Amino acid sequence: MFIIRANFADSFEINTSSENAQKFFADGNNYVELMPNLDSIHTDGKGITRWMISAEIPFVGKMKQSFAVDFMAYGDLIEWLPSPTETQNYLRCVAEVREKSVNSVLVRYSQFVEIRRNHARELHPLANLAGEKKISQGMQFEVDRMLQVFIKKSKEKLER
């Protein structure tokens, strides 16, 4: 099994109400608008929601992958998690919104990405040469960059 992974986690404060922050992180349009490389979030005719993400990965080049996810919101948590139908591309995105004061929240944001293939060549013809470790490092760099930009733009939009 050929597996590449990337993880991201950060906590940050936003000067907005808990209600505004929860609505914001539950709205897929905000992710598409503010997160680089997230091309679209689309729900197909079968009711499966897919995040289409493209990224430039060293040694492999431009990759475009579809991640089937389910949405859940409960209490302080907003979560996009891998759909039970997904077998290769796993995405889990969690925003925990905690009220600090009437106009301030603490957000704990995390994202986990995993791409699995039986053989490296199923991902890309050069994937075997680069190896899991190098491709995972490249994907980690891209995920970090994407989410740092997303968090910065999210704070700016919510604090307007």
N, C-alpha and C. Protein backbone atom coordinates (compact mmCIF):
# COMPACT_ATOMS: atom_id res chain seq x y z
N MET A 1 0.86 -1.18 0.00
CA MET A 1 0.00 0.00 0.00
C MET A 1 0.90 1.23 0.00
N PHE A 2 0.61 2.17 -0.88
CA PHE A 2 1.34 3.44 -0.99
C PHE A 2 0.47 4.52 -0.34
N ILE A 3 0.97 5.12 0.75
CA ILE A 3 0.17 6.08 1.52
C ILE A 3 0.96 7.38 1.71
N ILE A 4 0.31 8.50 1.38
CA ILE A 4 0.90 9.80 1.69
C ILE A 4 -0.07 10.55 2.61
N ARG A 5 0.51 11.34 3.54
CA ARG A 5 -0.29 12.00 4.56
C ARG A 5 0.20 13.41 4.82
N ALA A 6 -0.73 14.22 5.33
CA ALA A 6 -0.38 15.54 5.84
C ALA A 6 -1.37 15.89 6.95
N ASN A 7 -0.87 16.56 7.98
CA ASN A 7 -1.68 16.99 9.11
C ASN A 7 -1.43 18.47 9.38
N PHE A 8 -2.44 19.13 9.87
CA PHE A 8 -2.30 20.53 10.25
C PHE A 8 -3.17 20.77 11.46
N ALA A 9 -2.65 21.55 12.42
CA ALA A 9 -3.46 21.95 13.59
C ALA A 9 -2.99 23.31 14.07
N ASP A 10 -3.96 24.15 14.43
CA ASP A 10 -3.64 25.48 14.94
C ASP A 10 -4.80 25.96 15.79
N SER A 11 -4.50 26.81 16.75
CA SER A 11 -5.52 27.49 17.56
C SER A 11 -5.33 28.98 17.38
N PHE A 12 -6.44 29.71 17.27
CA PHE A 12 -6.35 31.14 17.08
C PHE A 12 -7.61 31.81 17.59
N GLU A 13 -7.49 33.08 17.94
CA GLU A 13 -8.63 33.84 18.40
C GLU A 13 -9.17 34.70 17.26
N ILE A 14 -10.49 34.87 17.27
CA ILE A 14 -11.15 35.73 16.30
C ILE A 14 -12.10 36.64 17.07
N ASN A 15 -12.08 37.91 16.73
CA ASN A 15 -12.99 38.87 17.35
C ASN A 15 -14.33 38.85 16.63
N THR A 16 -15.15 37.90 17.01
CA THR A 16 -16.50 37.74 16.47
C THR A 16 -17.30 36.92 17.47
N SER A 17 -18.57 36.80 17.22
CA SER A 17 -19.40 36.00 18.12
C SER A 17 -19.26 34.51 17.79
N SER A 18 -19.59 33.69 18.74
CA SER A 18 -19.56 32.24 18.55
C SER A 18 -20.50 31.83 17.42
N GLU A 19 -21.67 32.44 17.37
CA GLU A 19 -22.66 32.13 16.34
C GLU A 19 -22.12 32.44 14.95
N ASN A 20 -21.49 33.62 14.78
CA ASN A 20 -20.91 33.98 13.47
C ASN A 20 -19.82 33.00 13.06
N ALA A 21 -18.95 32.64 14.00
CA ALA A 21 -17.84 31.73 13.69
C ALA A 21 -18.37 30.35 13.32
N GLN A 22 -19.37 29.87 14.04
CA GLN A 22 -19.92 28.55 13.73
C GLN A 22 -20.58 28.54 12.35
N LYS A 23 -21.34 29.57 12.04
CA LYS A 23 -21.96 29.66 10.71
C LYS A 23 -20.89 29.71 9.62
N PHE A 24 -19.84 30.48 9.87
CA PHE A 24 -18.76 30.63 8.90
C PHE A 24 -18.10 29.29 8.58
N PHE A 25 -17.69 28.54 9.62
CA PHE A 25 -16.97 27.29 9.40
C PHE A 25 -17.88 26.16 8.92
N ALA A 26 -19.19 26.33 9.04
CA ALA A 26 -20.13 25.33 8.54
C ALA A 26 -20.49 25.58 7.07
N ASP A 27 -20.11 26.71 6.52
CA ASP A 27 -20.46 27.09 5.15
C ASP A 27 -19.31 26.75 4.19
N GLY A 28 -19.53 25.73 3.37
CA GLY A 28 -18.49 25.30 2.43
C GLY A 28 -18.04 26.39 1.47
N ASN A 29 -18.90 27.36 1.17
CA ASN A 29 -18.51 28.45 0.26
C ASN A 29 -17.34 29.25 0.81
N ASN A 30 -17.26 29.39 2.13
CA ASN A 30 -16.13 30.12 2.72
C ASN A 30 -14.81 29.41 2.49
N TYR A 31 -14.82 28.08 2.52
CA TYR A 31 -13.61 27.32 2.27
C TYR A 31 -13.16 27.52 0.82
N VAL A 32 -14.11 27.40 -0.11
CA VAL A 32 -13.79 27.55 -1.54
C VAL A 32 -13.28 28.96 -1.83
N GLU A 33 -13.91 29.94 -1.24
CA GLU A 33 -13.53 31.34 -1.47
C GLU A 33 -12.16 31.68 -0.90
N LEU A 34 -11.82 31.13 0.27
CA LEU A 34 -10.64 31.59 1.00
C LEU A 34 -9.46 30.63 1.03
N MET A 35 -9.67 29.38 0.68
CA MET A 35 -8.59 28.39 0.78
C MET A 35 -7.96 28.17 -0.59
N PRO A 36 -6.67 28.50 -0.72
CA PRO A 36 -5.99 28.24 -1.99
C PRO A 36 -6.03 26.75 -2.32
N ASN A 37 -6.11 26.44 -3.59
CA ASN A 37 -6.07 25.06 -4.11
C ASN A 37 -7.35 24.27 -3.90
N LEU A 38 -8.31 24.80 -3.16
CA LEU A 38 -9.61 24.14 -3.05
C LEU A 38 -10.44 24.66 -4.21
N ASP A 39 -10.57 23.84 -5.23
CA ASP A 39 -11.25 24.27 -6.46
C ASP A 39 -12.76 24.35 -6.29
N SER A 40 -13.34 23.38 -5.58
CA SER A 40 -14.79 23.38 -5.42
C SER A 40 -15.22 22.42 -4.32
N ILE A 41 -16.42 22.65 -3.83
CA ILE A 41 -17.12 21.70 -2.99
C ILE A 41 -18.46 21.49 -3.68
N HIS A 42 -18.74 20.25 -4.03
CA HIS A 42 -19.93 19.96 -4.83
C HIS A 42 -20.61 18.71 -4.29
N THR A 43 -21.93 18.76 -4.20
CA THR A 43 -22.70 17.58 -3.82
C THR A 43 -23.32 17.00 -5.08
N ASP A 44 -23.04 15.73 -5.34
CA ASP A 44 -23.52 15.10 -6.57
C ASP A 44 -24.96 14.60 -6.41
N GLY A 45 -25.50 14.00 -7.45
CA GLY A 45 -26.86 13.52 -7.48
C GLY A 45 -27.15 12.41 -6.47
N LYS A 46 -26.09 11.75 -6.00
CA LYS A 46 -26.26 10.69 -5.00
C LYS A 46 -26.16 11.23 -3.57
N GLY A 47 -25.98 12.56 -3.46
CA GLY A 47 -25.87 13.17 -2.14
C GLY A 47 -24.48 13.13 -1.53
N ILE A 48 -23.48 12.77 -2.32
CA ILE A 48 -22.10 12.70 -1.82
C ILE A 48 -21.42 14.04 -2.08
N THR A 49 -20.90 14.63 -1.02
CA THR A 49 -20.19 15.91 -1.13
C THR A 49 -18.72 15.63 -1.39
N ARG A 50 -18.17 16.33 -2.37
CA ARG A 50 -16.75 16.15 -2.74
C ARG A 50 -16.01 17.48 -2.71
N TRP A 51 -14.86 17.46 -2.05
CA TRP A 51 -13.94 18.58 -2.10
C TRP A 51 -12.95 18.27 -3.21
N MET A 52 -12.82 19.16 -4.20
CA MET A 52 -11.84 19.00 -5.28
C MET A 52 -10.64 19.88 -4.95
N ILE A 53 -9.51 19.24 -4.71
CA ILE A 53 -8.30 19.96 -4.30
C ILE A 53 -7.20 19.69 -5.31
N SER A 54 -6.52 20.75 -5.73
CA SER A 54 -5.37 20.60 -6.61
C SER A 54 -4.17 21.23 -5.92
N ALA A 55 -3.02 20.62 -6.11
CA ALA A 55 -1.81 21.14 -5.47
C ALA A 55 -0.59 20.76 -6.29
N GLU A 56 0.42 21.58 -6.19
CA GLU A 56 1.70 21.31 -6.84
C GLU A 56 2.57 20.57 -5.83
N ILE A 57 2.89 19.31 -6.14
CA ILE A 57 3.67 18.48 -5.23
C ILE A 57 5.04 18.23 -5.85
N PRO A 58 6.12 18.55 -5.12
CA PRO A 58 7.46 18.31 -5.65
C PRO A 58 7.65 16.84 -6.07
N PHE A 59 8.39 16.63 -7.12
CA PHE A 59 8.72 15.33 -7.70
C PHE A 59 7.55 14.70 -8.46
N VAL A 60 6.34 15.16 -8.23
CA VAL A 60 5.16 14.57 -8.85
C VAL A 60 4.50 15.55 -9.80
N GLY A 61 4.47 16.83 -9.43
CA GLY A 61 3.83 17.83 -10.25
C GLY A 61 2.43 18.14 -9.75
N LYS A 62 1.62 18.65 -10.64
CA LYS A 62 0.26 19.06 -10.29
C LYS A 62 -0.60 17.82 -10.04
N MET A 63 -1.22 17.79 -8.86
CA MET A 63 -2.15 16.71 -8.53
C MET A 63 -3.52 17.29 -8.27
N LYS A 64 -4.54 16.61 -8.73
CA LYS A 64 -5.91 17.01 -8.47
C LYS A 64 -6.62 15.78 -7.92
N GLN A 65 -7.19 15.92 -6.73
CA GLN A 65 -7.84 14.80 -6.08
C GLN A 65 -9.22 15.20 -5.58
N SER A 66 -10.11 14.23 -5.56
CA SER A 66 -11.46 14.41 -5.05
C SER A 66 -11.59 13.68 -3.72
N PHE A 67 -12.14 14.38 -2.72
CA PHE A 67 -12.30 13.81 -1.39
C PHE A 67 -13.78 13.78 -1.04
N ALA A 68 -14.35 12.59 -0.89
CA ALA A 68 -15.76 12.46 -0.51
C ALA A 68 -15.86 12.65 1.00
N VAL A 69 -16.71 13.60 1.42
CA VAL A 69 -16.82 13.92 2.84
C VAL A 69 -18.28 14.00 3.27
N ASP A 70 -18.49 13.83 4.55
CA ASP A 70 -19.78 14.07 5.18
C ASP A 70 -19.61 15.25 6.11
N PHE A 71 -20.69 15.98 6.32
CA PHE A 71 -20.66 17.15 7.20
C PHE A 71 -21.43 16.84 8.47
N MET A 72 -20.84 17.25 9.61
CA MET A 72 -21.51 17.11 10.90
C MET A 72 -21.24 18.36 11.73
N ALA A 73 -22.24 18.81 12.43
CA ALA A 73 -22.07 19.92 13.38
C ALA A 73 -22.81 19.53 14.65
N TYR A 74 -22.10 19.61 15.76
CA TYR A 74 -22.70 19.28 17.04
C TYR A 74 -21.95 20.04 18.13
N GLY A 75 -22.72 20.71 18.97
CA GLY A 75 -22.10 21.51 20.03
C GLY A 75 -21.16 22.54 19.45
N ASP A 76 -19.93 22.54 19.94
CA ASP A 76 -18.91 23.49 19.49
C ASP A 76 -18.13 23.01 18.26
N LEU A 77 -18.42 21.81 17.77
CA LEU A 77 -17.64 21.21 16.69
C LEU A 77 -18.34 21.30 15.35
N ILE A 78 -17.57 21.68 14.35
CA ILE A 78 -17.99 21.63 12.96
C ILE A 78 -17.00 20.69 12.29
N GLU A 79 -17.50 19.65 11.64
CA GLU A 79 -16.59 18.63 11.13
C GLU A 79 -16.98 18.19 9.73
N TRP A 80 -15.97 18.11 8.87
CA TRP A 80 -16.08 17.49 7.55
C TRP A 80 -15.23 16.23 7.68
N LEU A 81 -15.82 15.05 7.54
CA LEU A 81 -15.09 13.82 7.75
C LEU A 81 -15.25 12.89 6.56
N PRO A 82 -14.32 11.93 6.41
CA PRO A 82 -14.38 11.04 5.25
C PRO A 82 -15.72 10.32 5.16
N SER A 83 -16.29 10.31 3.98
CA SER A 83 -17.54 9.60 3.73
C SER A 83 -17.27 8.10 3.84
N PRO A 84 -18.22 7.34 4.35
CA PRO A 84 -18.05 5.88 4.39
C PRO A 84 -17.87 5.27 3.00
N THR A 85 -18.25 6.00 1.95
CA THR A 85 -18.08 5.50 0.59
C THR A 85 -16.65 5.66 0.08
N GLU A 86 -15.84 6.47 0.76
CA GLU A 86 -14.48 6.77 0.30
C GLU A 86 -13.53 5.62 0.61
N THR A 87 -12.68 5.27 -0.36
CA THR A 87 -11.72 4.18 -0.16
C THR A 87 -10.27 4.57 -0.43
N GLN A 88 -10.05 5.77 -0.99
CA GLN A 88 -8.68 6.15 -1.36
C GLN A 88 -8.24 7.50 -0.82
N ASN A 89 -9.12 8.50 -0.84
CA ASN A 89 -8.74 9.87 -0.49
C ASN A 89 -9.51 10.29 0.76
N TYR A 90 -8.78 10.46 1.84
CA TYR A 90 -9.42 10.78 3.12
C TYR A 90 -9.11 12.21 3.53
N LEU A 91 -10.15 12.94 3.90
CA LEU A 91 -10.02 14.31 4.37
C LEU A 91 -10.87 14.46 5.62
N ARG A 92 -10.26 14.97 6.67
CA ARG A 92 -11.00 15.29 7.89
C ARG A 92 -10.62 16.70 8.29
N CYS A 93 -11.62 17.53 8.42
CA CYS A 93 -11.43 18.94 8.74
C CYS A 93 -12.32 19.27 9.93
N VAL A 94 -11.74 19.78 11.02
CA VAL A 94 -12.49 20.06 12.24
C VAL A 94 -12.22 21.49 12.70
N ALA A 95 -13.30 22.20 12.98
CA ALA A 95 -13.20 23.52 13.62
C ALA A 95 -13.98 23.45 14.93
N GLU A 96 -13.28 23.64 16.02
CA GLU A 96 -13.92 23.70 17.33
C GLU A 96 -13.97 25.17 17.74
N VAL A 97 -15.17 25.69 17.94
CA VAL A 97 -15.36 27.10 18.24
C VAL A 97 -15.78 27.24 19.70
N ARG A 98 -14.93 27.88 20.50
CA ARG A 98 -15.20 28.08 21.93
C ARG A 98 -15.33 29.57 22.22
N GLU A 99 -16.43 29.94 22.83
CA GLU A 99 -16.65 31.35 23.18
C GLU A 99 -15.71 31.75 24.31
N LYS A 100 -14.98 32.85 24.10
CA LYS A 100 -14.11 33.40 25.15
C LYS A 100 -14.82 34.56 25.85
N SER A 101 -15.51 35.37 25.05
CA SER A 101 -16.31 36.47 25.57
C SER A 101 -17.42 36.71 24.55
N VAL A 102 -18.24 37.73 24.76
CA VAL A 102 -19.36 37.99 23.86
C VAL A 102 -18.88 38.18 22.42
N ASN A 103 -17.73 38.84 22.24
CA ASN A 103 -17.24 39.11 20.88
C ASN A 103 -15.87 38.52 20.61
N SER A 104 -15.58 37.37 21.19
CA SER A 104 -14.30 36.73 20.96
C SER A 104 -14.44 35.22 21.10
N VAL A 105 -13.85 34.50 20.14
CA VAL A 105 -13.87 33.05 20.18
C VAL A 105 -12.47 32.50 19.99
N LEU A 106 -12.26 31.32 20.54
CA LEU A 106 -11.04 30.56 20.30
C LEU A 106 -11.42 29.45 19.33
N VAL A 107 -10.69 29.34 18.23
CA VAL A 107 -10.94 28.31 17.25
C VAL A 107 -9.76 27.35 17.26
N ARG A 108 -10.06 26.09 17.42
CA ARG A 108 -9.06 25.03 17.26
C ARG A 108 -9.38 24.37 15.92
N TYR A 109 -8.48 24.53 14.98
CA TYR A 109 -8.71 24.06 13.62
C TYR A 109 -7.70 22.97 13.29
N SER A 110 -8.18 21.89 12.71
CA SER A 110 -7.26 20.83 12.29
C SER A 110 -7.73 20.24 10.97
N GLN A 111 -6.77 19.71 10.24
CA GLN A 111 -7.08 19.04 8.98
C GLN A 111 -6.12 17.87 8.81
N PHE A 112 -6.65 16.76 8.38
CA PHE A 112 -5.89 15.56 8.11
C PHE A 112 -6.20 15.11 6.70
N VAL A 113 -5.16 14.83 5.93
CA VAL A 113 -5.32 14.37 4.54
C VAL A 113 -4.51 13.09 4.38
N GLU A 114 -5.13 12.10 3.78
CA GLU A 114 -4.43 10.85 3.49
C GLU A 114 -4.88 10.34 2.13
N ILE A 115 -3.91 9.98 1.31
CA ILE A 115 -4.18 9.43 -0.02
C ILE A 115 -3.56 8.04 -0.07
N ARG A 116 -4.39 7.04 -0.37
CA ARG A 116 -3.95 5.65 -0.40
C ARG A 116 -4.11 5.06 -1.81
N ARG A 117 -3.11 4.34 -2.21
CA ARG A 117 -3.18 3.59 -3.47
C ARG A 117 -2.52 2.23 -3.25
N ASN A 118 -2.95 1.23 -3.99
CA ASN A 118 -2.31 -0.09 -3.88
C ASN A 118 -0.87 -0.03 -4.34
N HIS A 119 -0.63 0.76 -5.39
CA HIS A 119 0.72 0.89 -5.94
C HIS A 119 0.99 2.37 -6.22
N ALA A 120 2.23 2.79 -6.08
CA ALA A 120 2.61 4.19 -6.29
C ALA A 120 2.22 4.68 -7.67
N ARG A 121 2.37 3.86 -8.68
CA ARG A 121 2.08 4.27 -10.06
C ARG A 121 0.61 4.65 -10.26
N GLU A 122 -0.29 4.15 -9.38
CA GLU A 122 -1.70 4.52 -9.48
C GLU A 122 -1.91 5.99 -9.13
N LEU A 123 -1.00 6.54 -8.33
CA LEU A 123 -1.08 7.95 -7.97
C LEU A 123 -0.46 8.81 -9.06
N HIS A 124 0.73 8.41 -9.49
CA HIS A 124 1.47 9.16 -10.51
C HIS A 124 2.60 8.27 -11.02
N PRO A 125 2.96 8.34 -12.33
CA PRO A 125 4.02 7.49 -12.85
C PRO A 125 5.37 7.66 -12.14
N LEU A 126 5.64 8.85 -11.58
CA LEU A 126 6.92 9.09 -10.91
C LEU A 126 6.85 8.90 -9.39
N ALA A 127 5.70 8.56 -8.87
CA ALA A 127 5.53 8.48 -7.42
C ALA A 127 6.46 7.46 -6.78
N ASN A 128 6.70 6.34 -7.44
CA ASN A 128 7.56 5.32 -6.86
C ASN A 128 9.00 5.82 -6.72
N LEU A 129 9.45 6.61 -7.70
CA LEU A 129 10.81 7.15 -7.63
C LEU A 129 10.95 8.16 -6.48
N ALA A 130 9.96 8.98 -6.30
CA ALA A 130 10.01 9.99 -5.24
C ALA A 130 9.80 9.35 -3.87
N GLY A 131 8.91 8.41 -3.76
CA GLY A 131 8.66 7.72 -2.51
C GLY A 131 7.63 8.41 -1.63
N GLU A 132 7.07 7.63 -0.72
CA GLU A 132 6.03 8.14 0.19
C GLU A 132 6.51 9.32 1.02
N LYS A 133 7.72 9.22 1.56
CA LYS A 133 8.22 10.25 2.47
C LYS A 133 8.36 11.61 1.77
N LYS A 134 8.98 11.64 0.61
CA LYS A 134 9.17 12.91 -0.10
C LYS A 134 7.84 13.51 -0.57
N ILE A 135 6.95 12.66 -1.05
CA ILE A 135 5.65 13.16 -1.50
C ILE A 135 4.85 13.67 -0.30
N SER A 136 4.89 12.95 0.81
CA SER A 136 4.20 13.40 2.03
C SER A 136 4.76 14.73 2.50
N GLN A 137 6.08 14.89 2.44
CA GLN A 137 6.69 16.17 2.84
C GLN A 137 6.21 17.30 1.92
N GLY A 138 6.16 17.04 0.63
CA GLY A 138 5.67 18.05 -0.31
C GLY A 138 4.21 18.38 -0.07
N MET A 139 3.41 17.36 0.18
CA MET A 139 2.00 17.59 0.46
C MET A 139 1.84 18.34 1.78
N GLN A 140 2.66 18.01 2.78
CA GLN A 140 2.60 18.71 4.07
C GLN A 140 2.89 20.19 3.88
N PHE A 141 3.87 20.52 3.07
CA PHE A 141 4.21 21.91 2.79
C PHE A 141 3.02 22.63 2.17
N GLU A 142 2.37 22.00 1.18
CA GLU A 142 1.22 22.60 0.51
C GLU A 142 0.04 22.77 1.46
N VAL A 143 -0.25 21.76 2.27
CA VAL A 143 -1.36 21.84 3.23
C VAL A 143 -1.11 22.95 4.24
N ASP A 144 0.12 23.04 4.77
CA ASP A 144 0.45 24.10 5.72
C ASP A 144 0.21 25.47 5.10
N ARG A 145 0.68 25.66 3.88
CA ARG A 145 0.52 26.94 3.19
C ARG A 145 -0.95 27.25 2.95
N MET A 146 -1.69 26.28 2.46
CA MET A 146 -3.12 26.47 2.18
C MET A 146 -3.87 26.90 3.44
N LEU A 147 -3.60 26.22 4.53
CA LEU A 147 -4.38 26.46 5.74
C LEU A 147 -3.93 27.72 6.47
N GLN A 148 -2.67 28.08 6.37
CA GLN A 148 -2.24 29.36 6.95
C GLN A 148 -2.92 30.52 6.23
N VAL A 149 -3.01 30.44 4.91
CA VAL A 149 -3.72 31.47 4.14
C VAL A 149 -5.20 31.46 4.49
N PHE A 150 -5.81 30.28 4.59
CA PHE A 150 -7.22 30.17 4.92
C PHE A 150 -7.51 30.79 6.29
N ILE A 151 -6.70 30.50 7.27
CA ILE A 151 -6.91 31.05 8.62
C ILE A 151 -6.77 32.57 8.61
N LYS A 152 -5.74 33.08 7.94
CA LYS A 152 -5.54 34.53 7.88
C LYS A 152 -6.74 35.21 7.23
N LYS A 153 -7.18 34.68 6.09
CA LYS A 153 -8.32 35.29 5.38
C LYS A 153 -9.63 35.11 6.16
N SER A 154 -9.77 34.00 6.85
CA SER A 154 -10.97 33.76 7.66
C SER A 154 -11.07 34.78 8.78
N LYS A 155 -9.95 35.02 9.46
CA LYS A 155 -9.93 36.02 10.54
C LYS A 155 -10.29 37.39 9.99
N GLU A 156 -9.69 37.75 8.86
CA GLU A 156 -9.97 39.04 8.26
C GLU A 156 -11.45 39.19 7.92
N LYS A 157 -12.03 38.15 7.32
CA LYS A 157 -13.44 38.22 6.92
C LYS A 157 -14.37 38.27 8.13
N LEU A 158 -14.09 37.49 9.15
CA LEU A 158 -14.94 37.46 10.32
C LEU A 158 -14.81 38.71 11.19
N GLU A 159 -13.66 39.37 11.14
CA GLU A 159 -13.45 40.54 12.00
C GLU A 159 -13.84 41.84 11.33
N ARG A 160 -14.32 41.79 10.10
CA ARG A 160 -14.78 42.99 9.40
C ARG A 160 -15.99 43.57 10.07
